[in-house]
N, C-alpha and C. Protein backbone atom coordinates (compact mmCIF):
# COMPACT_ATOMS: atom_id res chain seq x y z
N UNK A 1 -33.59 88.40 38.85
CA UNK A 1 -33.93 88.92 37.54
C UNK A 1 -33.96 90.44 37.58
N UNK A 2 -34.46 90.99 38.70
CA UNK A 2 -34.48 92.43 38.83
C UNK A 2 -33.09 93.04 38.81
N UNK A 3 -32.14 92.37 39.47
CA UNK A 3 -30.77 92.89 39.49
C UNK A 3 -30.13 92.80 38.11
N UNK A 4 -30.16 91.61 37.51
CA UNK A 4 -29.46 91.41 36.25
C UNK A 4 -30.04 92.24 35.11
N UNK A 5 -31.35 92.42 35.09
CA UNK A 5 -31.98 93.09 33.94
C UNK A 5 -32.22 94.58 34.16
N UNK A 6 -32.38 95.02 35.43
CA UNK A 6 -32.84 96.39 35.63
C UNK A 6 -31.98 97.23 36.57
N UNK A 7 -30.94 96.67 37.16
CA UNK A 7 -30.11 97.44 38.09
C UNK A 7 -29.49 98.64 37.39
N UNK A 8 -28.86 98.43 36.25
CA UNK A 8 -28.22 99.52 35.53
C UNK A 8 -29.25 100.50 34.97
N UNK A 9 -30.40 99.99 34.56
CA UNK A 9 -31.46 100.86 34.03
C UNK A 9 -31.90 101.89 35.07
N UNK A 10 -32.15 101.42 36.29
CA UNK A 10 -32.57 102.34 37.35
C UNK A 10 -31.42 103.25 37.77
N UNK A 11 -30.21 102.73 37.81
CA UNK A 11 -29.07 103.55 38.20
C UNK A 11 -28.85 104.68 37.20
N UNK A 12 -28.95 104.38 35.92
CA UNK A 12 -28.76 105.41 34.89
C UNK A 12 -29.83 106.47 34.96
N UNK A 13 -31.08 106.06 35.19
CA UNK A 13 -32.18 107.03 35.26
C UNK A 13 -32.08 107.90 36.51
N UNK A 14 -31.70 107.30 37.63
CA UNK A 14 -31.53 108.09 38.85
C UNK A 14 -30.39 109.09 38.68
N UNK A 15 -29.29 108.65 38.06
CA UNK A 15 -28.17 109.56 37.81
C UNK A 15 -28.60 110.72 36.92
N UNK A 16 -29.41 110.42 35.91
CA UNK A 16 -29.84 111.45 34.97
C UNK A 16 -30.80 112.45 35.62
N UNK A 17 -31.73 111.94 36.43
CA UNK A 17 -32.76 112.80 37.02
C UNK A 17 -32.27 113.55 38.25
N UNK A 18 -31.46 112.87 39.08
CA UNK A 18 -31.05 113.47 40.35
C UNK A 18 -29.62 114.00 40.34
N UNK A 19 -28.91 113.78 39.24
CA UNK A 19 -27.53 114.27 39.17
C UNK A 19 -26.58 113.50 40.05
N UNK A 20 -26.94 112.29 40.43
CA UNK A 20 -26.08 111.47 41.28
C UNK A 20 -25.04 110.74 40.43
N UNK A 21 -24.19 110.01 41.10
CA UNK A 21 -23.14 109.25 40.40
C UNK A 21 -23.15 107.80 40.86
N UNK A 22 -24.32 107.21 40.84
CA UNK A 22 -24.39 105.79 41.20
C UNK A 22 -23.57 104.97 40.22
N UNK A 23 -22.81 104.01 40.72
CA UNK A 23 -21.95 103.22 39.82
C UNK A 23 -22.78 102.34 38.87
N UNK A 24 -22.30 102.21 37.65
CA UNK A 24 -22.92 101.35 36.65
C UNK A 24 -22.09 100.07 36.57
N UNK A 25 -22.69 98.98 36.99
CA UNK A 25 -21.96 97.71 37.03
C UNK A 25 -21.90 97.06 35.66
N UNK A 26 -20.87 96.28 35.43
CA UNK A 26 -20.75 95.50 34.21
C UNK A 26 -21.45 94.16 34.44
N UNK A 27 -22.75 94.15 34.25
CA UNK A 27 -23.56 92.97 34.54
C UNK A 27 -23.62 92.09 33.29
N UNK A 28 -23.26 90.84 33.45
CA UNK A 28 -23.39 89.86 32.37
C UNK A 28 -24.72 89.15 32.54
N UNK A 29 -25.63 89.35 31.61
CA UNK A 29 -26.98 88.82 31.73
C UNK A 29 -26.98 87.31 31.48
N UNK A 30 -27.38 86.50 32.45
CA UNK A 30 -27.45 85.05 32.23
C UNK A 30 -28.47 84.70 31.16
N UNK A 31 -28.14 83.74 30.33
CA UNK A 31 -29.01 83.35 29.23
C UNK A 31 -30.31 82.75 29.75
N UNK A 32 -31.43 83.29 29.28
CA UNK A 32 -32.74 82.74 29.62
C UNK A 32 -33.19 83.00 31.03
N UNK A 33 -32.66 84.04 31.70
CA UNK A 33 -32.97 84.25 33.11
C UNK A 33 -34.45 84.53 33.34
N UNK A 34 -35.11 85.23 32.41
CA UNK A 34 -36.53 85.53 32.59
C UNK A 34 -37.35 84.26 32.66
N UNK A 35 -37.08 83.32 31.75
CA UNK A 35 -37.89 82.11 31.70
C UNK A 35 -37.51 81.11 32.79
N UNK A 36 -36.23 81.12 33.21
CA UNK A 36 -35.87 80.36 34.41
C UNK A 36 -36.69 80.84 35.60
N UNK A 37 -36.76 82.17 35.75
CA UNK A 37 -37.45 82.76 36.89
C UNK A 37 -38.95 82.50 36.85
N UNK A 38 -39.58 82.76 35.69
CA UNK A 38 -41.02 82.54 35.56
C UNK A 38 -41.38 81.07 35.80
N UNK A 39 -40.57 80.17 35.25
CA UNK A 39 -40.85 78.75 35.39
C UNK A 39 -40.81 78.32 36.85
N UNK A 40 -39.82 78.82 37.59
CA UNK A 40 -39.70 78.42 38.99
C UNK A 40 -40.77 79.08 39.87
N UNK A 41 -41.17 80.29 39.53
CA UNK A 41 -42.29 80.91 40.24
C UNK A 41 -43.55 80.07 40.04
N UNK A 42 -43.80 79.66 38.79
CA UNK A 42 -44.97 78.83 38.51
C UNK A 42 -44.91 77.52 39.29
N UNK A 43 -43.73 76.91 39.36
CA UNK A 43 -43.59 75.66 40.10
C UNK A 43 -43.87 75.85 41.59
N UNK A 44 -43.34 76.92 42.16
CA UNK A 44 -43.54 77.18 43.59
C UNK A 44 -45.01 77.43 43.92
N UNK A 45 -45.68 78.22 43.07
CA UNK A 45 -47.10 78.49 43.32
C UNK A 45 -47.93 77.23 43.16
N UNK A 46 -47.63 76.42 42.12
CA UNK A 46 -48.35 75.16 41.93
C UNK A 46 -48.14 74.23 43.12
N UNK A 47 -46.92 74.21 43.65
CA UNK A 47 -46.63 73.38 44.83
C UNK A 47 -47.42 73.87 46.04
N UNK A 48 -47.45 75.18 46.23
CA UNK A 48 -48.18 75.77 47.35
C UNK A 48 -49.67 75.45 47.26
N UNK A 49 -50.20 75.40 46.05
CA UNK A 49 -51.62 75.13 45.84
C UNK A 49 -51.93 73.64 45.75
N UNK A 50 -50.92 72.79 45.90
CA UNK A 50 -51.14 71.35 45.87
C UNK A 50 -51.34 70.76 44.49
N UNK A 51 -50.93 71.46 43.45
CA UNK A 51 -51.11 70.98 42.08
C UNK A 51 -49.97 70.10 41.60
N UNK A 52 -48.83 70.16 42.29
CA UNK A 52 -47.67 69.35 41.89
C UNK A 52 -47.79 67.97 42.52
N UNK A 53 -47.73 66.95 41.68
CA UNK A 53 -47.95 65.57 42.15
C UNK A 53 -46.66 64.82 42.43
N UNK A 54 -45.55 65.28 41.88
CA UNK A 54 -44.28 64.58 42.15
C UNK A 54 -43.17 65.61 42.26
N UNK A 55 -42.13 65.25 43.06
CA UNK A 55 -41.10 66.21 43.42
C UNK A 55 -39.69 65.67 43.12
N UNK A 56 -39.58 64.79 42.15
CA UNK A 56 -38.27 64.25 41.79
C UNK A 56 -37.36 65.38 41.34
N UNK A 57 -36.18 65.48 41.95
CA UNK A 57 -35.29 66.61 41.69
C UNK A 57 -34.79 66.60 40.24
N UNK A 58 -34.53 65.42 39.70
CA UNK A 58 -34.07 65.33 38.31
C UNK A 58 -35.16 65.82 37.37
N UNK A 59 -36.41 65.44 37.64
CA UNK A 59 -37.52 65.91 36.82
C UNK A 59 -37.69 67.42 36.94
N UNK A 60 -37.47 67.94 38.14
CA UNK A 60 -37.55 69.38 38.35
C UNK A 60 -36.49 70.11 37.51
N UNK A 61 -35.27 69.59 37.51
CA UNK A 61 -34.21 70.20 36.71
C UNK A 61 -34.56 70.14 35.22
N UNK A 62 -35.14 69.04 34.78
CA UNK A 62 -35.54 68.92 33.38
C UNK A 62 -36.59 69.97 33.04
N UNK A 63 -37.55 70.15 33.93
CA UNK A 63 -38.62 71.12 33.70
C UNK A 63 -38.06 72.54 33.61
N UNK A 64 -37.16 72.89 34.51
CA UNK A 64 -36.64 74.25 34.56
C UNK A 64 -35.67 74.55 33.42
N UNK A 65 -34.86 73.56 33.04
CA UNK A 65 -33.79 73.80 32.07
C UNK A 65 -34.12 73.31 30.67
N UNK A 66 -35.37 72.95 30.41
CA UNK A 66 -35.73 72.47 29.08
C UNK A 66 -35.42 73.56 28.05
N UNK A 67 -34.40 73.34 27.22
CA UNK A 67 -33.75 74.42 26.50
C UNK A 67 -34.51 75.05 25.34
N UNK A 68 -35.44 74.37 24.63
CA UNK A 68 -36.04 75.03 23.46
C UNK A 68 -36.76 76.34 23.76
N UNK A 69 -37.27 76.52 24.97
CA UNK A 69 -38.09 77.69 25.25
C UNK A 69 -37.33 78.81 25.97
N UNK A 70 -36.07 78.62 26.29
CA UNK A 70 -35.40 79.53 27.22
C UNK A 70 -35.08 80.91 26.62
N UNK A 71 -34.99 81.02 25.30
CA UNK A 71 -34.62 82.31 24.71
C UNK A 71 -35.82 83.24 24.60
N UNK A 72 -36.95 82.73 24.11
CA UNK A 72 -38.10 83.61 23.86
C UNK A 72 -39.42 82.98 24.28
N UNK A 73 -39.38 81.99 25.13
CA UNK A 73 -40.62 81.38 25.60
C UNK A 73 -41.01 80.20 24.75
N UNK A 74 -42.19 79.66 25.00
CA UNK A 74 -43.23 80.14 25.91
C UNK A 74 -42.92 79.85 27.39
N UNK A 75 -43.70 80.48 28.27
CA UNK A 75 -43.63 80.21 29.70
C UNK A 75 -44.38 78.91 29.96
N UNK A 76 -43.70 77.96 30.61
CA UNK A 76 -44.25 76.61 30.75
C UNK A 76 -44.88 76.39 32.12
N UNK A 77 -45.87 75.50 32.15
CA UNK A 77 -46.49 75.06 33.39
C UNK A 77 -46.03 73.63 33.69
N UNK A 78 -45.76 73.38 34.95
CA UNK A 78 -45.31 72.06 35.38
C UNK A 78 -46.30 70.97 34.98
N UNK A 79 -47.58 71.23 35.16
CA UNK A 79 -48.61 70.22 34.92
C UNK A 79 -48.77 69.86 33.46
N UNK A 80 -48.37 70.74 32.54
CA UNK A 80 -48.52 70.44 31.13
C UNK A 80 -47.27 69.83 30.51
N UNK A 81 -46.15 69.90 31.23
CA UNK A 81 -44.90 69.39 30.69
C UNK A 81 -44.52 68.03 31.26
N UNK A 82 -44.72 67.81 32.57
CA UNK A 82 -44.24 66.58 33.18
C UNK A 82 -44.91 65.33 32.61
N UNK A 83 -46.23 65.33 32.32
CA UNK A 83 -46.82 64.13 31.70
C UNK A 83 -46.18 63.80 30.35
N UNK A 84 -45.77 64.82 29.60
CA UNK A 84 -45.12 64.56 28.31
C UNK A 84 -43.72 63.97 28.51
N UNK A 85 -42.99 64.49 29.49
CA UNK A 85 -41.66 63.95 29.77
C UNK A 85 -41.74 62.50 30.26
N UNK A 86 -42.84 62.15 30.91
CA UNK A 86 -42.98 60.81 31.51
C UNK A 86 -43.34 59.74 30.48
N UNK A 87 -43.83 60.14 29.32
CA UNK A 87 -44.23 59.15 28.31
C UNK A 87 -43.02 58.42 27.75
N UNK A 88 -43.13 57.11 27.62
CA UNK A 88 -42.03 56.33 27.05
C UNK A 88 -41.79 56.69 25.59
N UNK A 89 -42.86 57.04 24.88
CA UNK A 89 -42.72 57.37 23.46
C UNK A 89 -41.90 58.64 23.24
N UNK A 90 -41.78 59.47 24.26
CA UNK A 90 -40.98 60.69 24.13
C UNK A 90 -39.51 60.37 23.92
N UNK A 91 -39.08 59.22 24.39
CA UNK A 91 -37.67 58.84 24.32
C UNK A 91 -37.28 58.22 22.99
N UNK A 92 -38.24 58.04 22.09
CA UNK A 92 -37.97 57.41 20.81
C UNK A 92 -38.18 58.40 19.67
N UNK A 93 -37.47 58.20 18.58
CA UNK A 93 -37.60 59.09 17.43
C UNK A 93 -38.93 58.86 16.74
N UNK A 94 -39.66 59.94 16.55
CA UNK A 94 -40.91 59.91 15.78
C UNK A 94 -40.66 60.73 14.52
N UNK A 95 -40.51 60.05 13.39
CA UNK A 95 -40.09 60.74 12.17
C UNK A 95 -41.14 61.73 11.68
N UNK A 96 -42.40 61.46 11.97
CA UNK A 96 -43.43 62.44 11.60
C UNK A 96 -43.26 63.73 12.39
N UNK A 97 -43.02 63.60 13.71
CA UNK A 97 -42.77 64.79 14.52
C UNK A 97 -41.49 65.50 14.10
N UNK A 98 -40.48 64.73 13.73
CA UNK A 98 -39.23 65.33 13.25
C UNK A 98 -39.47 66.15 11.99
N UNK A 99 -40.24 65.60 11.06
CA UNK A 99 -40.50 66.29 9.80
C UNK A 99 -41.32 67.56 10.01
N UNK A 100 -42.39 67.44 10.81
CA UNK A 100 -43.24 68.61 11.07
C UNK A 100 -42.47 69.66 11.88
N UNK A 101 -41.77 69.20 12.91
CA UNK A 101 -41.00 70.11 13.74
C UNK A 101 -39.91 70.83 12.97
N UNK A 102 -39.23 70.10 12.09
CA UNK A 102 -38.17 70.72 11.28
C UNK A 102 -38.75 71.76 10.33
N UNK A 103 -39.92 71.48 9.77
CA UNK A 103 -40.58 72.45 8.89
C UNK A 103 -40.92 73.73 9.64
N UNK A 104 -41.50 73.59 10.84
CA UNK A 104 -41.84 74.76 11.65
C UNK A 104 -40.57 75.52 12.04
N UNK A 105 -39.52 74.78 12.39
CA UNK A 105 -38.26 75.42 12.77
C UNK A 105 -37.67 76.22 11.61
N UNK A 106 -37.67 75.65 10.41
CA UNK A 106 -37.11 76.33 9.25
C UNK A 106 -37.92 77.58 8.90
N UNK A 107 -39.25 77.49 9.01
CA UNK A 107 -40.09 78.67 8.77
C UNK A 107 -39.78 79.77 9.77
N UNK A 108 -39.62 79.39 11.04
CA UNK A 108 -39.27 80.38 12.06
C UNK A 108 -37.91 81.00 11.81
N UNK A 109 -36.95 80.17 11.40
CA UNK A 109 -35.61 80.68 11.11
C UNK A 109 -35.65 81.65 9.94
N UNK A 110 -36.48 81.36 8.93
CA UNK A 110 -36.63 82.26 7.79
C UNK A 110 -37.24 83.59 8.21
N UNK A 111 -38.24 83.54 9.08
CA UNK A 111 -38.83 84.78 9.59
C UNK A 111 -37.77 85.64 10.27
N UNK A 112 -36.93 85.00 11.07
CA UNK A 112 -35.91 85.73 11.82
C UNK A 112 -34.81 86.27 10.91
N UNK A 113 -34.23 85.40 10.09
CA UNK A 113 -33.04 85.77 9.32
C UNK A 113 -33.40 86.58 8.07
N UNK A 114 -34.42 86.11 7.34
CA UNK A 114 -34.74 86.74 6.06
C UNK A 114 -35.54 88.03 6.24
N UNK A 115 -36.56 87.99 7.13
CA UNK A 115 -37.46 89.15 7.24
C UNK A 115 -37.04 90.09 8.37
N UNK A 116 -36.96 89.57 9.60
CA UNK A 116 -36.66 90.44 10.75
C UNK A 116 -35.31 91.14 10.60
N UNK A 117 -34.27 90.38 10.27
CA UNK A 117 -32.94 90.98 10.13
C UNK A 117 -32.88 91.95 8.95
N UNK A 118 -33.66 91.68 7.90
CA UNK A 118 -33.71 92.60 6.76
C UNK A 118 -34.37 93.92 7.15
N UNK A 119 -35.43 93.83 7.96
CA UNK A 119 -36.10 95.04 8.42
C UNK A 119 -35.16 95.88 9.30
N UNK A 120 -34.28 95.22 10.03
CA UNK A 120 -33.35 95.94 10.89
C UNK A 120 -32.41 96.82 10.08
N UNK A 121 -32.14 96.44 8.84
CA UNK A 121 -31.27 97.25 8.00
C UNK A 121 -31.91 98.58 7.63
N UNK A 122 -33.24 98.65 7.68
CA UNK A 122 -33.94 99.90 7.41
C UNK A 122 -34.14 100.72 8.69
N UNK A 123 -34.49 100.03 9.78
CA UNK A 123 -34.84 100.75 11.01
C UNK A 123 -33.62 101.23 11.79
N UNK A 124 -32.59 100.42 11.87
CA UNK A 124 -31.44 100.75 12.72
C UNK A 124 -30.76 102.06 12.33
N UNK A 125 -30.46 102.33 11.04
CA UNK A 125 -29.81 103.60 10.70
C UNK A 125 -30.64 104.82 11.09
N UNK A 126 -31.96 104.71 10.95
CA UNK A 126 -32.82 105.85 11.28
C UNK A 126 -32.83 106.08 12.79
N UNK A 127 -32.95 105.03 13.57
CA UNK A 127 -32.93 105.17 15.03
C UNK A 127 -31.57 105.64 15.52
N UNK A 128 -30.50 105.17 14.88
CA UNK A 128 -29.16 105.61 15.27
C UNK A 128 -28.98 107.09 14.97
N UNK A 129 -29.52 107.55 13.85
CA UNK A 129 -29.41 108.97 13.49
C UNK A 129 -30.17 109.84 14.48
N UNK A 130 -31.36 109.38 14.90
CA UNK A 130 -32.15 110.14 15.89
C UNK A 130 -31.41 110.19 17.22
N UNK A 131 -30.81 109.08 17.61
CA UNK A 131 -30.07 109.04 18.88
C UNK A 131 -28.88 110.00 18.84
N UNK A 132 -28.32 110.19 17.65
CA UNK A 132 -27.19 111.11 17.51
C UNK A 132 -27.62 112.56 17.38
N UNK A 133 -28.93 112.81 17.43
CA UNK A 133 -29.42 114.18 17.37
C UNK A 133 -30.06 114.57 16.06
N UNK A 134 -30.15 113.66 15.12
CA UNK A 134 -30.75 113.98 13.83
C UNK A 134 -32.27 114.02 13.89
N UNK A 135 -32.87 114.64 12.90
CA UNK A 135 -34.32 114.75 12.81
C UNK A 135 -34.77 114.19 11.46
N UNK A 136 -35.34 112.98 11.46
CA UNK A 136 -35.73 112.36 10.19
C UNK A 136 -36.90 113.10 9.55
N UNK A 137 -36.95 113.05 8.23
CA UNK A 137 -38.07 113.60 7.48
C UNK A 137 -39.28 112.68 7.66
N UNK A 138 -40.44 113.11 7.16
CA UNK A 138 -41.68 112.37 7.35
C UNK A 138 -41.57 110.94 6.83
N UNK A 139 -41.10 110.80 5.60
CA UNK A 139 -41.02 109.46 5.00
C UNK A 139 -40.02 108.60 5.77
N UNK A 140 -38.89 109.17 6.15
CA UNK A 140 -37.89 108.42 6.92
C UNK A 140 -38.45 107.95 8.26
N UNK A 141 -39.22 108.83 8.91
CA UNK A 141 -39.81 108.46 10.20
C UNK A 141 -40.77 107.30 10.05
N UNK A 142 -41.60 107.34 9.01
CA UNK A 142 -42.54 106.24 8.77
C UNK A 142 -41.81 104.95 8.39
N UNK A 143 -40.78 105.05 7.59
CA UNK A 143 -40.00 103.86 7.23
C UNK A 143 -39.38 103.24 8.47
N UNK A 144 -38.82 104.09 9.35
CA UNK A 144 -38.23 103.60 10.58
C UNK A 144 -39.24 102.93 11.49
N UNK A 145 -40.40 103.58 11.66
CA UNK A 145 -41.43 103.03 12.55
C UNK A 145 -42.00 101.73 12.02
N UNK A 146 -42.33 101.69 10.74
CA UNK A 146 -42.95 100.48 10.17
C UNK A 146 -41.95 99.33 10.08
N UNK A 147 -40.73 99.63 9.68
CA UNK A 147 -39.74 98.55 9.57
C UNK A 147 -39.39 97.99 10.95
N UNK A 148 -39.35 98.85 11.97
CA UNK A 148 -39.08 98.37 13.33
C UNK A 148 -40.25 97.53 13.85
N UNK A 149 -41.47 97.94 13.49
CA UNK A 149 -42.66 97.17 13.87
C UNK A 149 -42.60 95.77 13.27
N UNK A 150 -42.27 95.68 11.98
CA UNK A 150 -42.17 94.38 11.32
C UNK A 150 -40.98 93.58 11.85
N UNK A 151 -39.91 94.27 12.19
CA UNK A 151 -38.75 93.58 12.76
C UNK A 151 -39.12 92.89 14.07
N UNK A 152 -39.78 93.60 14.96
CA UNK A 152 -40.19 93.01 16.23
C UNK A 152 -41.16 91.85 16.02
N UNK A 153 -42.11 92.06 15.12
CA UNK A 153 -43.14 91.05 14.86
C UNK A 153 -42.51 89.74 14.39
N UNK A 154 -41.71 89.81 13.35
CA UNK A 154 -41.16 88.59 12.78
C UNK A 154 -40.02 88.02 13.61
N UNK A 155 -39.37 88.87 14.41
CA UNK A 155 -38.34 88.37 15.31
C UNK A 155 -38.96 87.46 16.37
N UNK A 156 -39.99 87.96 17.04
CA UNK A 156 -40.62 87.16 18.09
C UNK A 156 -41.38 85.98 17.51
N UNK A 157 -42.08 86.19 16.38
CA UNK A 157 -42.80 85.09 15.74
C UNK A 157 -41.83 84.01 15.29
N UNK A 158 -40.69 84.41 14.76
CA UNK A 158 -39.70 83.44 14.32
C UNK A 158 -39.11 82.64 15.46
N UNK A 159 -38.75 83.32 16.56
CA UNK A 159 -38.21 82.61 17.72
C UNK A 159 -39.24 81.64 18.30
N UNK A 160 -40.51 82.06 18.32
CA UNK A 160 -41.57 81.19 18.83
C UNK A 160 -41.70 79.94 17.97
N UNK A 161 -41.71 80.11 16.66
CA UNK A 161 -41.80 78.96 15.76
C UNK A 161 -40.61 78.03 15.93
N UNK A 162 -39.42 78.60 16.08
CA UNK A 162 -38.24 77.76 16.24
C UNK A 162 -38.30 76.94 17.53
N UNK A 163 -38.78 77.56 18.61
CA UNK A 163 -38.91 76.84 19.88
C UNK A 163 -39.91 75.69 19.76
N UNK A 164 -41.07 75.97 19.16
CA UNK A 164 -42.10 74.94 19.01
C UNK A 164 -41.61 73.83 18.10
N UNK A 165 -40.97 74.19 16.99
CA UNK A 165 -40.47 73.18 16.06
C UNK A 165 -39.38 72.32 16.66
N UNK A 166 -38.43 72.95 17.34
CA UNK A 166 -37.34 72.19 17.96
C UNK A 166 -37.87 71.24 19.02
N UNK A 167 -38.83 71.71 19.82
CA UNK A 167 -39.40 70.86 20.85
C UNK A 167 -40.19 69.71 20.26
N UNK A 168 -40.90 69.97 19.18
CA UNK A 168 -41.69 68.90 18.55
C UNK A 168 -40.77 67.81 18.00
N UNK A 169 -39.60 68.18 17.54
CA UNK A 169 -38.65 67.17 17.08
C UNK A 169 -38.22 66.25 18.22
N UNK A 170 -38.37 66.74 19.46
CA UNK A 170 -38.06 65.93 20.64
C UNK A 170 -39.32 65.29 21.23
N UNK A 171 -40.42 65.33 20.47
CA UNK A 171 -41.70 64.71 20.85
C UNK A 171 -42.39 65.42 22.01
N UNK A 172 -42.08 66.68 22.21
CA UNK A 172 -42.72 67.46 23.27
C UNK A 172 -43.40 68.67 22.63
N UNK A 173 -44.68 68.82 22.93
CA UNK A 173 -45.47 69.92 22.34
C UNK A 173 -45.51 71.09 23.32
N UNK A 174 -45.04 72.24 22.85
CA UNK A 174 -45.10 73.46 23.65
C UNK A 174 -46.41 74.19 23.37
N UNK A 175 -46.92 74.94 24.35
CA UNK A 175 -48.17 75.67 24.14
C UNK A 175 -48.00 76.80 23.13
N UNK A 176 -49.08 77.12 22.45
CA UNK A 176 -49.08 78.21 21.47
C UNK A 176 -48.78 79.53 22.17
N UNK A 177 -47.93 80.37 21.55
CA UNK A 177 -47.48 81.58 22.21
C UNK A 177 -47.63 82.84 21.37
N UNK A 178 -48.06 82.70 20.12
CA UNK A 178 -48.10 83.84 19.22
C UNK A 178 -49.19 83.58 18.19
N UNK A 179 -50.18 84.44 18.13
CA UNK A 179 -51.34 84.18 17.28
C UNK A 179 -51.74 85.42 16.49
N UNK A 180 -50.91 85.78 15.51
CA UNK A 180 -51.20 86.90 14.60
C UNK A 180 -51.73 88.13 15.33
N UNK A 181 -50.95 88.72 16.24
CA UNK A 181 -51.46 89.84 17.04
C UNK A 181 -51.85 91.07 16.23
N UNK A 182 -51.24 91.26 15.05
CA UNK A 182 -51.59 92.45 14.27
C UNK A 182 -52.96 92.33 13.61
N UNK A 183 -53.59 91.17 13.76
CA UNK A 183 -54.97 91.04 13.31
C UNK A 183 -55.96 91.36 14.43
N UNK A 184 -55.46 91.71 15.60
CA UNK A 184 -56.32 92.03 16.73
C UNK A 184 -57.11 93.31 16.46
N UNK A 185 -58.28 93.39 17.04
CA UNK A 185 -59.14 94.56 16.86
C UNK A 185 -59.17 95.46 18.10
N UNK A 186 -58.40 95.11 19.13
CA UNK A 186 -58.33 95.93 20.33
C UNK A 186 -56.99 95.69 21.02
N UNK A 187 -56.63 96.60 21.92
CA UNK A 187 -55.37 96.46 22.65
C UNK A 187 -55.39 95.21 23.52
N UNK A 188 -56.54 94.92 24.14
CA UNK A 188 -56.65 93.74 24.99
C UNK A 188 -56.43 92.47 24.17
N UNK A 189 -57.07 92.40 23.01
CA UNK A 189 -56.90 91.21 22.16
C UNK A 189 -55.47 91.12 21.65
N UNK A 190 -54.86 92.27 21.35
CA UNK A 190 -53.46 92.28 20.90
C UNK A 190 -52.55 91.66 21.96
N UNK A 191 -52.74 92.07 23.23
CA UNK A 191 -51.91 91.54 24.31
C UNK A 191 -52.12 90.04 24.46
N UNK A 192 -53.36 89.59 24.31
CA UNK A 192 -53.65 88.16 24.45
C UNK A 192 -53.03 87.35 23.33
N UNK A 193 -52.85 87.94 22.17
CA UNK A 193 -52.29 87.23 21.02
C UNK A 193 -50.77 87.30 20.95
N UNK A 194 -50.17 88.33 21.56
CA UNK A 194 -48.73 88.56 21.34
C UNK A 194 -47.87 87.58 22.14
N UNK A 195 -48.02 87.53 23.42
CA UNK A 195 -47.23 86.62 24.26
C UNK A 195 -48.22 85.87 25.13
N UNK A 196 -48.86 84.88 24.54
CA UNK A 196 -50.04 84.25 25.13
C UNK A 196 -49.72 83.58 26.47
N UNK A 197 -48.60 82.91 26.57
CA UNK A 197 -48.29 82.22 27.82
C UNK A 197 -47.87 83.20 28.91
N UNK A 198 -47.31 84.35 28.54
CA UNK A 198 -46.99 85.36 29.54
C UNK A 198 -48.28 85.94 30.11
N UNK A 199 -49.27 86.19 29.24
CA UNK A 199 -50.57 86.67 29.71
C UNK A 199 -51.19 85.65 30.66
N UNK A 200 -51.08 84.38 30.30
CA UNK A 200 -51.61 83.31 31.15
C UNK A 200 -50.88 83.27 32.49
N UNK A 201 -49.56 83.45 32.44
CA UNK A 201 -48.75 83.45 33.67
C UNK A 201 -49.17 84.59 34.59
N UNK A 202 -49.30 85.79 34.05
CA UNK A 202 -49.68 86.95 34.86
C UNK A 202 -51.07 86.76 35.45
N UNK A 203 -51.97 86.16 34.67
CA UNK A 203 -53.32 85.93 35.16
C UNK A 203 -53.34 84.89 36.28
N UNK A 204 -52.68 83.75 36.03
CA UNK A 204 -52.76 82.63 36.97
C UNK A 204 -51.91 82.81 38.22
N UNK A 205 -50.72 83.41 38.06
CA UNK A 205 -49.77 83.42 39.15
C UNK A 205 -49.60 84.78 39.83
N UNK A 206 -50.17 85.81 39.26
CA UNK A 206 -50.15 87.10 39.94
C UNK A 206 -51.56 87.53 40.34
N UNK A 207 -52.42 87.70 39.35
CA UNK A 207 -53.76 88.21 39.64
C UNK A 207 -54.58 87.22 40.47
N UNK A 208 -54.82 86.01 39.91
CA UNK A 208 -55.69 85.04 40.59
C UNK A 208 -55.08 84.59 41.91
N UNK A 209 -53.76 84.34 41.92
CA UNK A 209 -53.12 83.85 43.14
C UNK A 209 -53.27 84.86 44.28
N UNK A 210 -52.98 86.13 44.00
CA UNK A 210 -53.03 87.11 45.07
C UNK A 210 -54.48 87.41 45.48
N UNK A 211 -55.41 87.27 44.54
CA UNK A 211 -56.82 87.43 44.92
C UNK A 211 -57.22 86.33 45.89
N UNK A 212 -56.79 85.08 45.59
CA UNK A 212 -57.11 83.96 46.47
C UNK A 212 -56.47 84.15 47.83
N UNK A 213 -55.19 84.56 47.84
CA UNK A 213 -54.48 84.79 49.12
C UNK A 213 -55.19 85.88 49.93
N UNK A 214 -55.60 86.95 49.26
CA UNK A 214 -56.27 88.04 49.96
C UNK A 214 -57.60 87.59 50.56
N UNK A 215 -58.32 86.72 49.83
CA UNK A 215 -59.61 86.22 50.31
C UNK A 215 -59.43 85.29 51.51
N UNK A 216 -58.30 84.57 51.53
CA UNK A 216 -58.04 83.67 52.65
C UNK A 216 -57.69 84.46 53.90
């Protein structure tokens, strides 16, 4: 993940700061690489801690490649997904789940297409002008900042809703990942509301895990 997502970023910055000529590779970013990586890290740590109860390779592939969450999350835990995959009822159509899931999916799609993409029409020209050397006026700067803020908000919220809705249509419930972060009253609460499963991942698999390892 470090190579595919950040190799060119570091090369460009080193070239800019040090005047070097490190080559910039034409890297094709694999789809969903962040969530593939996070999911497998979680699986390995759970296995190391003895939390994984079964090791069927087909089930492992299902857990890692479960497609509704791969674009924008949430980050999944092995222990919360495998019991759902194992249920016989998961293999049958549940029309109530289809109806609710489709509703959530359509709402998420509307957030993305109608609101987020519309906000991009206001923010993108202003940011492009600044990148080209322009200096926006006060009102233009505020329009760019606020529209970009709303674009990010509804883009991520929309993708999250679509993932949850699509998964529910398959009788699998994904964990909540977005909880009105702009209603937060502090930076800490904002982070906890914005990408909830990523915060949980960092807490469980980086902070707590390394604290336990250090104590051992």
